[in-house]
């Protein structure tokens, strides 16, 4: 299986290294190979079971990619989208392209330019075909300075039911508080002090397996979403997708206590970005 890489996908920067628990890679690879065998024999239900078992033990982009293809052959569109998105989260660029083309409906809005000179203003509204998730990304193409600025406005793109799901006018960034503007495109990703090794060491030394999760046998991956601002501070910590049993709350607690990061950079300046981190809980 290929090694996963750190990438930017849509609106979130995701770190792919999972921590907490023992490595059961050999068993995971055994299930993965059996899943491939079943897939090649067109036994998709059996293939689905083996790939699922493999992913539960050791999440990997190849596993989720092939599980997505299996779901596709089983005519499970939302199962395909869920797993191709996971494959992208874990670093598969081809999966990211498939997710956008097959699972995201996009509408483009072009605005009259009354705010900026020599620019084209537009936004792209992206909606997952299987969930209620929607985002509006704003694009400012500045021909004078030969640059493209892409951003979204934090906490303004999740409309309440019955309200419009997009902004009619292009926002005046000079009138929006800095803590609500999050960049999509950066030149350099944020870095944990001490690098990836430092981040993993921090998580493994601070996470505590919740007792109720132990008693209930709860295992899995808790995805935590947060902002790393232009000073490297962590804020707006929340649960992107949880597993329960107190694992998600424990993940949030530890992320909130993280030290200051090296911020993301764009055009030589530090900027705030959204970051998503998967944290794996595995019982011995």
C-alpha atoms as a PDB file:
ATOM      1  CA  UNK A   1       0.000   0.000   0.000  1.00  0.00           C
ATOM      2  CA  UNK A   2       1.184   3.527  -0.704  1.00  0.00           C
ATOM      3  CA  UNK A   3       2.255   5.899   2.047  1.00  0.00           C
ATOM      4  CA  UNK A   4      -0.272   8.672   2.664  1.00  0.00           C
ATOM      5  CA  UNK A   5       0.685  12.298   2.197  1.00  0.00           C
ATOM      6  CA  UNK A   6      -0.427  15.586   3.669  1.00  0.00           C
ATOM      7  CA  UNK A   7      -2.586  17.547   1.248  1.00  0.00           C
ATOM      8  CA  UNK A   8      -5.036  20.400   0.957  1.00  0.00           C
ATOM      9  CA  UNK A   9      -8.577  19.369  -0.001  1.00  0.00           C
ATOM     10  CA  UNK A  10     -11.413  21.845  -0.494  1.00  0.00           C
ATOM     11  CA  UNK A  11     -11.499  23.820   2.764  1.00  0.00           C
ATOM     12  CA  UNK A  12      -9.518  21.759   5.254  1.00  0.00           C
ATOM     13  CA  UNK A  13      -5.898  20.941   5.818  1.00  0.00           C
ATOM     14  CA  UNK A  14      -5.687  17.491   7.305  1.00  0.00           C
ATOM     15  CA  UNK A  15      -2.875  15.734   9.077  1.00  0.00           C
ATOM     16  CA  UNK A  16      -2.915  12.039   8.245  1.00  0.00           C
ATOM     17  CA  UNK A  17      -0.850  10.471  11.033  1.00  0.00           C
ATOM     18  CA  UNK A  18      -3.065   8.609  13.483  1.00  0.00           C
ATOM     19  CA  UNK A  19      -1.961   7.996  17.018  1.00  0.00           C
ATOM     20  CA  UNK A  20      -3.013   6.206  20.209  1.00  0.00           C
ATOM     21  CA  UNK A  21      -3.094   2.446  20.245  1.00  0.00           C
ATOM     22  CA  UNK A  22      -1.104  -0.472  18.997  1.00  0.00           C
ATOM     23  CA  UNK A  23      -0.094  -1.113  15.399  1.00  0.00           C
ATOM     24  CA  UNK A  24      -1.877  -4.123  13.919  1.00  0.00           C
ATOM     25  CA  UNK A  25      -0.643  -3.536  10.375  1.00  0.00           C
ATOM     26  CA  UNK A  26      -0.029  -7.197   9.535  1.00  0.00           C
ATOM     27  CA  UNK A  27      -3.653  -8.185  10.169  1.00  0.00           C
ATOM     28  CA  UNK A  28      -4.851  -5.085   8.362  1.00  0.00           C
ATOM     29  CA  UNK A  29      -2.763  -5.973   5.304  1.00  0.00           C
ATOM     30  CA  UNK A  30      -4.103  -9.538   5.412  1.00  0.00           C
ATOM     31  CA  UNK A  31      -7.688  -8.255   5.290  1.00  0.00           C
ATOM     32  CA  UNK A  32      -6.739  -5.742   2.580  1.00  0.00           C
ATOM     33  CA  UNK A  33      -5.254  -8.413   0.307  1.00  0.00           C
ATOM     34  CA  UNK A  34      -8.257 -10.650   0.843  1.00  0.00           C
ATOM     35  CA  UNK A  35     -10.486  -7.709  -0.084  1.00  0.00           C
ATOM     36  CA  UNK A  36      -8.540  -7.219  -3.305  1.00  0.00           C
ATOM     37  CA  UNK A  37      -8.921 -10.893  -4.125  1.00  0.00           C
ATOM     38  CA  UNK A  38     -12.697 -10.777  -3.584  1.00  0.00           C
ATOM     39  CA  UNK A  39     -12.943  -7.570  -5.632  1.00  0.00           C
ATOM     40  CA  UNK A  40     -11.114  -9.131  -8.570  1.00  0.00           C
ATOM     41  CA  UNK A  41     -13.547 -12.045  -8.411  1.00  0.00           C
ATOM     42  CA  UNK A  42     -16.486  -9.604  -8.457  1.00  0.00           C
ATOM     43  CA  UNK A  43     -17.523 -10.718  -4.973  1.00  0.00           C
ATOM     44  CA  UNK A  44     -18.273  -7.199  -3.825  1.00  0.00           C
ATOM     45  CA  UNK A  45     -20.115  -7.941  -0.569  1.00  0.00           C
ATOM     46  CA  UNK A  46     -17.206 -10.061   0.634  1.00  0.00           C
ATOM     47  CA  UNK A  47     -14.748  -7.441  -0.608  1.00  0.00           C
ATOM     48  CA  UNK A  48     -16.645  -4.760   1.301  1.00  0.00           C
ATOM     49  CA  UNK A  49     -16.367  -6.734   4.559  1.00  0.00           C
ATOM     50  CA  UNK A  50     -12.615  -7.297   4.254  1.00  0.00           C
ATOM     51  CA  UNK A  51     -11.800  -3.712   3.305  1.00  0.00           C
ATOM     52  CA  UNK A  52     -13.929  -2.483   6.206  1.00  0.00           C
ATOM     53  CA  UNK A  53     -12.075  -4.732   8.651  1.00  0.00           C
ATOM     54  CA  UNK A  54      -8.740  -3.548   7.271  1.00  0.00           C
ATOM     55  CA  UNK A  55      -9.697   0.129   7.639  1.00  0.00           C
ATOM     56  CA  UNK A  56     -10.909  -0.369  11.207  1.00  0.00           C
ATOM     57  CA  UNK A  57      -7.510  -1.766  12.215  1.00  0.00           C
ATOM     58  CA  UNK A  58      -5.252   0.553  10.226  1.00  0.00           C
ATOM     59  CA  UNK A  59      -6.803   3.421   8.213  1.00  0.00           C
ATOM     60  CA  UNK A  60      -5.031   3.887   4.868  1.00  0.00           C
ATOM     61  CA  UNK A  61      -5.885   5.762   1.647  1.00  0.00           C
ATOM     62  CA  UNK A  62      -5.615   2.644  -0.525  1.00  0.00           C
ATOM     63  CA  UNK A  63      -8.034   0.769   1.716  1.00  0.00           C
ATOM     64  CA  UNK A  64     -10.631   3.534   1.619  1.00  0.00           C
ATOM     65  CA  UNK A  65     -10.112   4.018  -2.129  1.00  0.00           C
ATOM     66  CA  UNK A  66     -10.818   0.367  -2.877  1.00  0.00           C
ATOM     67  CA  UNK A  67     -13.678   0.281  -0.396  1.00  0.00           C
ATOM     68  CA  UNK A  68     -15.159   3.239  -2.278  1.00  0.00           C
ATOM     69  CA  UNK A  69     -14.870   1.376  -5.590  1.00  0.00           C
ATOM     70  CA  UNK A  70     -16.526  -1.619  -3.974  1.00  0.00           C
ATOM     71  CA  UNK A  71     -19.404   0.566  -2.773  1.00  0.00           C
ATOM     72  CA  UNK A  72     -19.687   1.967  -6.292  1.00  0.00           C
ATOM     73  CA  UNK A  73     -20.082  -1.519  -7.732  1.00  0.00           C
ATOM     74  CA  UNK A  74     -22.709  -2.235  -5.078  1.00  0.00           C
ATOM     75  CA  UNK A  75     -24.661   0.833  -6.325  1.00  0.00           C
ATOM     76  CA  UNK A  76     -24.109   2.549  -2.959  1.00  0.00           C
ATOM     77  CA  UNK A  77     -23.478   6.133  -4.057  1.00  0.00           C
ATOM     78  CA  UNK A  78     -23.242   7.637  -0.578  1.00  0.00           C
ATOM     79  CA  UNK A  79     -21.009   4.793   0.586  1.00  0.00           C
ATOM     80  CA  UNK A  80     -18.752   5.566  -2.353  1.00  0.00           C
ATOM     81  CA  UNK A  81     -18.661   9.272  -1.513  1.00  0.00           C
ATOM     82  CA  UNK A  82     -17.964   8.685   2.172  1.00  0.00           C
ATOM     83  CA  UNK A  83     -15.005   6.415   1.522  1.00  0.00           C
ATOM     84  CA  UNK A  84     -13.522   8.288  -1.424  1.00  0.00           C
ATOM     85  CA  UNK A  85     -13.556  11.363   0.807  1.00  0.00           C
ATOM     86  CA  UNK A  86     -11.719   9.400   3.512  1.00  0.00           C
ATOM     87  CA  UNK A  87      -9.168   8.229   0.953  1.00  0.00           C
ATOM     88  CA  UNK A  88      -8.610  11.858   0.039  1.00  0.00           C
ATOM     89  CA  UNK A  89      -8.330  12.849   3.710  1.00  0.00           C
ATOM     90  CA  UNK A  90      -5.549  10.295   4.083  1.00  0.00           C
ATOM     91  CA  UNK A  91      -3.583  11.704   1.171  1.00  0.00           C
ATOM     92  CA  UNK A  92      -4.810  10.218  -2.121  1.00  0.00           C
ATOM     93  CA  UNK A  93      -4.952  13.097  -4.624  1.00  0.00           C
ATOM     94  CA  UNK A  94      -6.837  11.072  -7.228  1.00  0.00           C
ATOM     95  CA  UNK A  95      -9.481  10.326  -4.595  1.00  0.00           C
ATOM     96  CA  UNK A  96      -9.794  14.039  -3.923  1.00  0.00           C
ATOM     97  CA  UNK A  97     -10.493  14.714  -7.587  1.00  0.00           C
ATOM     98  CA  UNK A  98     -13.070  11.907  -7.701  1.00  0.00           C
ATOM     99  CA  UNK A  99     -14.800  13.229  -4.589  1.00  0.00           C
ATOM    100  CA  UNK A 100     -15.143  16.698  -6.093  1.00  0.00           C
ATOM    101  CA  UNK A 101     -16.315  15.465  -9.512  1.00  0.00           C
ATOM    102  CA  UNK A 102     -18.633  12.659  -8.343  1.00  0.00           C
ATOM    103  CA  UNK A 103     -19.879  13.744  -4.926  1.00  0.00           C
ATOM    104  CA  UNK A 104     -19.940  17.523  -4.932  1.00  0.00           C
ATOM    105  CA  UNK A 105     -22.450  19.725  -6.721  1.00  0.00           C
ATOM    106  CA  UNK A 106     -20.993  23.139  -7.447  1.00  0.00           C
ATOM    107  CA  UNK A 107     -22.595  26.408  -8.485  1.00  0.00           C
ATOM    108  CA  UNK A 108     -20.585  29.476  -9.460  1.00  0.00           C
ATOM    109  CA  UNK A 109     -21.700  33.036  -8.793  1.00  0.00           C
ATOM    110  CA  UNK A 110     -20.111  36.000 -10.560  1.00  0.00           C
ATOM    111  CA  UNK A 111     -20.377  39.417  -8.932  1.00  0.00           C
ATOM    112  CA  UNK A 112     -20.311  42.939 -10.241  1.00  0.00           C
ATOM    113  CA  UNK A 113     -17.039  44.521  -9.194  1.00  0.00           C
ATOM    114  CA  UNK A 114     -17.747  47.603  -7.094  1.00  0.00           C
ATOM    115  CA  UNK A 115     -15.017  47.074  -4.478  1.00  0.00           C
ATOM    116  CA  UNK A 116     -11.755  46.344  -6.285  1.00  0.00           C
ATOM    117  CA  UNK A 117     -10.016  47.512  -9.462  1.00  0.00           C
ATOM    118  CA  UNK A 118      -8.797  45.167 -12.217  1.00  0.00           C
ATOM    119  CA  UNK A 119     -10.246  42.098 -10.536  1.00  0.00           C
ATOM    120  CA  UNK A 120     -12.803  39.399 -11.164  1.00  0.00           C
ATOM    121  CA  UNK A 121     -14.964  38.466  -8.195  1.00  0.00           C
ATOM    122  CA  UNK A 122     -16.758  35.137  -7.895  1.00  0.00           C
ATOM    123  CA  UNK A 123     -17.688  32.426  -5.452  1.00  0.00           C
ATOM    124  CA  UNK A 124     -18.237  28.690  -5.646  1.00  0.00           C
ATOM    125  CA  UNK A 125     -20.975  27.048  -3.593  1.00  0.00           C
ATOM    126  CA  UNK A 126     -20.135  23.393  -2.961  1.00  0.00           C
ATOM    127  CA  UNK A 127     -22.703  20.925  -1.629  1.00  0.00           C
ATOM    128  CA  UNK A 128     -22.136  17.267  -0.785  1.00  0.00           C
ATOM    129  CA  UNK A 129     -24.788  15.237  -2.625  1.00  0.00           C
ATOM    130  CA  UNK A 130     -25.253  12.885   0.347  1.00  0.00           C
ATOM    131  CA  UNK A 131     -25.103  15.285   3.291  1.00  0.00           C
ATOM    132  CA  UNK A 132     -26.302  18.764   4.140  1.00  0.00           C
ATOM    133  CA  UNK A 133     -22.748  20.137   4.147  1.00  0.00           C
ATOM    134  CA  UNK A 134     -22.355  23.325   2.123  1.00  0.00           C
ATOM    135  CA  UNK A 135     -19.540  25.814   1.740  1.00  0.00           C
ATOM    136  CA  UNK A 136     -19.161  29.070  -0.147  1.00  0.00           C
ATOM    137  CA  UNK A 137     -15.627  29.798  -1.290  1.00  0.00           C
ATOM    138  CA  UNK A 138     -14.816  33.308  -2.470  1.00  0.00           C
ATOM    139  CA  UNK A 139     -12.289  33.978  -5.244  1.00  0.00           C
ATOM    140  CA  UNK A 140     -10.664  37.308  -5.981  1.00  0.00           C
ATOM    141  CA  UNK A 141      -8.547  37.319  -9.155  1.00  0.00           C
ATOM    142  CA  UNK A 142      -6.297  40.361  -8.991  1.00  0.00           C
ATOM    143  CA  UNK A 143      -4.792  41.005 -12.447  1.00  0.00           C
ATOM    144  CA  UNK A 144      -2.823  44.049 -11.332  1.00  0.00           C
ATOM    145  CA  UNK A 145      -0.778  42.075  -8.815  1.00  0.00           C
ATOM    146  CA  UNK A 146      -1.156  38.750 -10.661  1.00  0.00           C
ATOM    147  CA  UNK A 147      -2.587  36.818  -7.740  1.00  0.00           C
ATOM    148  CA  UNK A 148      -5.619  34.820  -6.691  1.00  0.00           C
ATOM    149  CA  UNK A 149      -7.033  35.130  -3.201  1.00  0.00           C
ATOM    150  CA  UNK A 150      -9.291  32.267  -2.083  1.00  0.00           C
ATOM    151  CA  UNK A 151     -11.060  32.336   1.276  1.00  0.00           C
ATOM    152  CA  UNK A 152     -14.276  31.633   3.095  1.00  0.00           C
ATOM    153  CA  UNK A 153     -15.912  33.351   6.032  1.00  0.00           C
ATOM    154  CA  UNK A 154     -15.843  31.248   9.169  1.00  0.00           C
ATOM    155  CA  UNK A 155     -19.210  30.381  10.749  1.00  0.00           C
ATOM    156  CA  UNK A 156     -21.155  32.238   8.069  1.00  0.00           C
ATOM    157  CA  UNK A 157     -21.485  29.369   5.602  1.00  0.00           C
ATOM    158  CA  UNK A 158     -23.672  27.012   7.594  1.00  0.00           C
ATOM    159  CA  UNK A 159     -27.081  28.652   7.138  1.00  0.00           C
ATOM    160  CA  UNK A 160     -30.086  27.901   9.284  1.00  0.00           C
ATOM    161  CA  UNK A 161     -32.956  26.032   7.690  1.00  0.00           C
ATOM    162  CA  UNK A 162     -35.086  28.319   5.583  1.00  0.00           C
ATOM    163  CA  UNK A 163     -32.361  30.926   5.057  1.00  0.00           C
ATOM    164  CA  UNK A 164     -30.272  31.513   1.944  1.00  0.00           C
ATOM    165  CA  UNK A 165     -27.286  29.207   1.632  1.00  0.00           C
ATOM    166  CA  UNK A 166     -25.024  31.797   0.025  1.00  0.00           C
ATOM    167  CA  UNK A 167     -24.054  35.465   0.207  1.00  0.00           C
ATOM    168  CA  UNK A 168     -25.583  37.517  -2.578  1.00  0.00           C
ATOM    169  CA  UNK A 169     -22.921  40.233  -2.478  1.00  0.00           C
ATOM    170  CA  UNK A 170     -19.165  39.691  -2.547  1.00  0.00           C
ATOM    171  CA  UNK A 171     -17.896  40.479   0.967  1.00  0.00           C
ATOM    172  CA  UNK A 172     -15.778  43.532   1.642  1.00  0.00           C
ATOM    173  CA  UNK A 173     -12.832  41.872   3.375  1.00  0.00           C
ATOM    174  CA  UNK A 174     -11.850  45.224   4.917  1.00  0.00           C
ATOM    175  CA  UNK A 175     -15.064  45.197   6.950  1.00  0.00           C
ATOM    176  CA  UNK A 176     -14.880  41.566   8.120  1.00  0.00           C
ATOM    177  CA  UNK A 177     -13.038  40.783  11.372  1.00  0.00           C
ATOM    178  CA  UNK A 178      -9.791  38.926  10.729  1.00  0.00           C
ATOM    179  CA  UNK A 179     -10.870  36.054  12.971  1.00  0.00           C
ATOM    180  CA  UNK A 180     -13.703  35.209  10.561  1.00  0.00           C
ATOM    181  CA  UNK A 181     -11.611  35.004   7.390  1.00  0.00           C
ATOM    182  CA  UNK A 182      -9.937  31.647   6.772  1.00  0.00           C
ATOM    183  CA  UNK A 183      -7.650  31.084   3.778  1.00  0.00           C
ATOM    184  CA  UNK A 184      -8.065  28.094   1.479  1.00  0.00           C
ATOM    185  CA  UNK A 185      -4.847  28.385  -0.497  1.00  0.00           C
ATOM    186  CA  UNK A 186      -1.544  28.638   1.338  1.00  0.00           C
ATOM    187  CA  UNK A 187       2.096  28.411   0.303  1.00  0.00           C
ATOM    188  CA  UNK A 188       3.191  26.623   3.466  1.00  0.00           C
ATOM    189  CA  UNK A 189       1.145  24.435   5.804  1.00  0.00           C
ATOM    190  CA  UNK A 190       1.128  25.108   9.556  1.00  0.00           C
ATOM    191  CA  UNK A 191       3.621  23.038  11.523  1.00  0.00           C
ATOM    192  CA  UNK A 192       3.540  21.676  15.037  1.00  0.00           C
ATOM    193  CA  UNK A 193       6.644  22.673  17.065  1.00  0.00           C
ATOM    194  CA  UNK A 194       9.072  19.804  16.668  1.00  0.00           C
ATOM    195  CA  UNK A 195       7.459  18.729  13.411  1.00  0.00           C
ATOM    196  CA  UNK A 196       5.359  15.626  12.868  1.00  0.00           C
ATOM    197  CA  UNK A 197       7.351  13.657  15.417  1.00  0.00           C
ATOM    198  CA  UNK A 198       6.697  16.340  18.014  1.00  0.00           C
ATOM    199  CA  UNK A 199       2.971  16.318  17.266  1.00  0.00           C
ATOM    200  CA  UNK A 200       2.705  12.540  17.564  1.00  0.00           C
ATOM    201  CA  UNK A 201       4.716  12.527  20.799  1.00  0.00           C
ATOM    202  CA  UNK A 202       2.480  15.240  22.224  1.00  0.00           C
ATOM    203  CA  UNK A 203      -0.713  13.343  21.448  1.00  0.00           C
ATOM    204  CA  UNK A 204       0.515   9.965  22.676  1.00  0.00           C
ATOM    205  CA  UNK A 205       1.730  11.469  25.939  1.00  0.00           C
ATOM    206  CA  UNK A 206      -1.378  13.552  26.673  1.00  0.00           C
ATOM    207  CA  UNK A 207      -4.321  11.436  25.473  1.00  0.00           C
ATOM    208  CA  UNK A 208      -6.096   9.279  28.050  1.00  0.00           C
ATOM    209  CA  UNK A 209      -8.403   6.494  26.914  1.00  0.00           C
ATOM    210  CA  UNK A 210     -11.830   7.271  28.481  1.00  0.00           C
ATOM    211  CA  UNK A 211     -12.942   4.622  30.953  1.00  0.00           C
ATOM    212  CA  UNK A 212     -16.463   4.384  29.549  1.00  0.00           C
ATOM    213  CA  UNK A 213     -15.036   3.792  26.058  1.00  0.00           C
ATOM    214  CA  UNK A 214     -12.928   0.958  27.477  1.00  0.00           C
ATOM    215  CA  UNK A 215     -15.932  -0.613  29.204  1.00  0.00           C
ATOM    216  CA  UNK A 216     -18.065  -0.392  26.046  1.00  0.00           C
ATOM    217  CA  UNK A 217     -15.258  -1.530  23.755  1.00  0.00           C
ATOM    218  CA  UNK A 218     -15.425   1.664  21.704  1.00  0.00           C
ATOM    219  CA  UNK A 219     -12.624   2.073  19.146  1.00  0.00           C
ATOM    220  CA  UNK A 220     -12.191   4.169  16.047  1.00  0.00           C
ATOM    221  CA  UNK A 221     -11.115   7.559  14.782  1.00  0.00           C
ATOM    222  CA  UNK A 222     -12.226  10.899  16.178  1.00  0.00           C
ATOM    223  CA  UNK A 223     -11.837  13.761  13.698  1.00  0.00           C
ATOM    224  CA  UNK A 224     -11.196  17.122  15.340  1.00  0.00           C
ATOM    225  CA  UNK A 225     -11.556  20.378  13.434  1.00  0.00           C
ATOM    226  CA  UNK A 226      -9.949  23.642  14.539  1.00  0.00           C
ATOM    227  CA  UNK A 227      -8.403  26.878  13.352  1.00  0.00           C
ATOM    228  CA  UNK A 228      -4.719  27.733  13.521  1.00  0.00           C
ATOM    229  CA  UNK A 229      -4.534  31.504  13.339  1.00  0.00           C
ATOM    230  CA  UNK A 230      -1.805  33.780  12.027  1.00  0.00           C
ATOM    231  CA  UNK A 231      -0.029  33.697  15.404  1.00  0.00           C
ATOM    232  CA  UNK A 232      -0.091  29.879  15.583  1.00  0.00           C
ATOM    233  CA  UNK A 233      -2.778  29.797  18.270  1.00  0.00           C
ATOM    234  CA  UNK A 234      -5.340  26.976  18.188  1.00  0.00           C
ATOM    235  CA  UNK A 235      -8.972  28.076  18.428  1.00  0.00           C
ATOM    236  CA  UNK A 236     -12.547  27.119  17.510  1.00  0.00           C
ATOM    237  CA  UNK A 237     -11.940  23.460  18.352  1.00  0.00           C
ATOM    238  CA  UNK A 238     -14.830  21.151  17.494  1.00  0.00           C
ATOM    239  CA  UNK A 239     -15.744  17.618  16.465  1.00  0.00           C
ATOM    240  CA  UNK A 240     -15.916  17.012  12.719  1.00  0.00           C
ATOM    241  CA  UNK A 241     -16.883  13.355  13.132  1.00  0.00           C
ATOM    242  CA  UNK A 242     -16.914  11.430  16.392  1.00  0.00           C
ATOM    243  CA  UNK A 243     -17.071   7.925  17.816  1.00  0.00           C
ATOM    244  CA  UNK A 244     -18.565   8.580  21.258  1.00  0.00           C
ATOM    245  CA  UNK A 245     -17.688   7.098  24.625  1.00  0.00           C
ATOM    246  CA  UNK A 246     -15.891  10.259  25.693  1.00  0.00           C
ATOM    247  CA  UNK A 247     -13.189   9.831  23.006  1.00  0.00           C
ATOM    248  CA  UNK A 248     -14.257  12.941  21.112  1.00  0.00           C
ATOM    249  CA  UNK A 249     -14.318  15.084  24.248  1.00  0.00           C
ATOM    250  CA  UNK A 250     -10.883  13.783  25.222  1.00  0.00           C
ATOM    251  CA  UNK A 251      -9.543  14.625  21.771  1.00  0.00           C
ATOM    252  CA  UNK A 252     -10.967  18.146  21.991  1.00  0.00           C
ATOM    253  CA  UNK A 253      -9.452  18.606  25.463  1.00  0.00           C
ATOM    254  CA  UNK A 254      -5.968  17.650  24.303  1.00  0.00           C
ATOM    255  CA  UNK A 255      -6.126  19.730  21.114  1.00  0.00           C
ATOM    256  CA  UNK A 256      -7.166  22.804  23.106  1.00  0.00           C
ATOM    257  CA  UNK A 257      -4.030  22.399  25.239  1.00  0.00           C
ATOM    258  CA  UNK A 258      -1.682  22.258  22.246  1.00  0.00           C
ATOM    259  CA  UNK A 259       1.288  24.637  22.210  1.00  0.00           C
ATOM    260  CA  UNK A 260       1.584  27.426  19.630  1.00  0.00           C
ATOM    261  CA  UNK A 261       2.118  26.154  16.074  1.00  0.00           C
ATOM    262  CA  UNK A 262       4.235  27.645  13.302  1.00  0.00           C
ATOM    263  CA  UNK A 263       1.445  29.333  11.293  1.00  0.00           C
ATOM    264  CA  UNK A 264       0.598  28.742   7.649  1.00  0.00           C
ATOM    265  CA  UNK A 265       2.101  31.203   5.178  1.00  0.00           C
ATOM    266  CA  UNK A 266       0.712  32.846   2.051  1.00  0.00           C
ATOM    267  CA  UNK A 267       2.660  35.382   0.008  1.00  0.00           C
ATOM    268  CA  UNK A 268       5.215  35.636   2.792  1.00  0.00           C
ATOM    269  CA  UNK A 269       2.648  36.477   5.468  1.00  0.00           C
ATOM    270  CA  UNK A 270       1.163  34.266   8.209  1.00  0.00           C
ATOM    271  CA  UNK A 271      -2.537  33.456   7.677  1.00  0.00           C
ATOM    272  CA  UNK A 272      -5.235  31.555   9.515  1.00  0.00           C
ATOM    273  CA  UNK A 273      -6.363  28.192   8.181  1.00  0.00           C
ATOM    274  CA  UNK A 274      -8.773  25.434   9.057  1.00  0.00           C
ATOM    275  CA  UNK A 275      -7.112  22.209  10.172  1.00  0.00           C
ATOM    276  CA  UNK A 276      -8.553  18.754  10.679  1.00  0.00           C
ATOM    277  CA  UNK A 277      -6.818  16.060  12.690  1.00  0.00           C
ATOM    278  CA  UNK A 278      -7.795  12.385  13.010  1.00  0.00           C
ATOM    279  CA  UNK A 279      -7.021  10.756  16.354  1.00  0.00           C
ATOM    280  CA  UNK A 280      -7.238   6.982  16.592  1.00  0.00           C
ATOM    281  CA  UNK A 281      -8.378   5.115  19.699  1.00  0.00           C
ATOM    282  CA  UNK A 282      -7.487   1.421  19.777  1.00  0.00           C
ATOM    283  CA  UNK A 283      -7.927  -1.016  22.669  1.00  0.00           C
ATOM    284  CA  UNK A 284      -5.117  -3.460  23.361  1.00  0.00           C
END
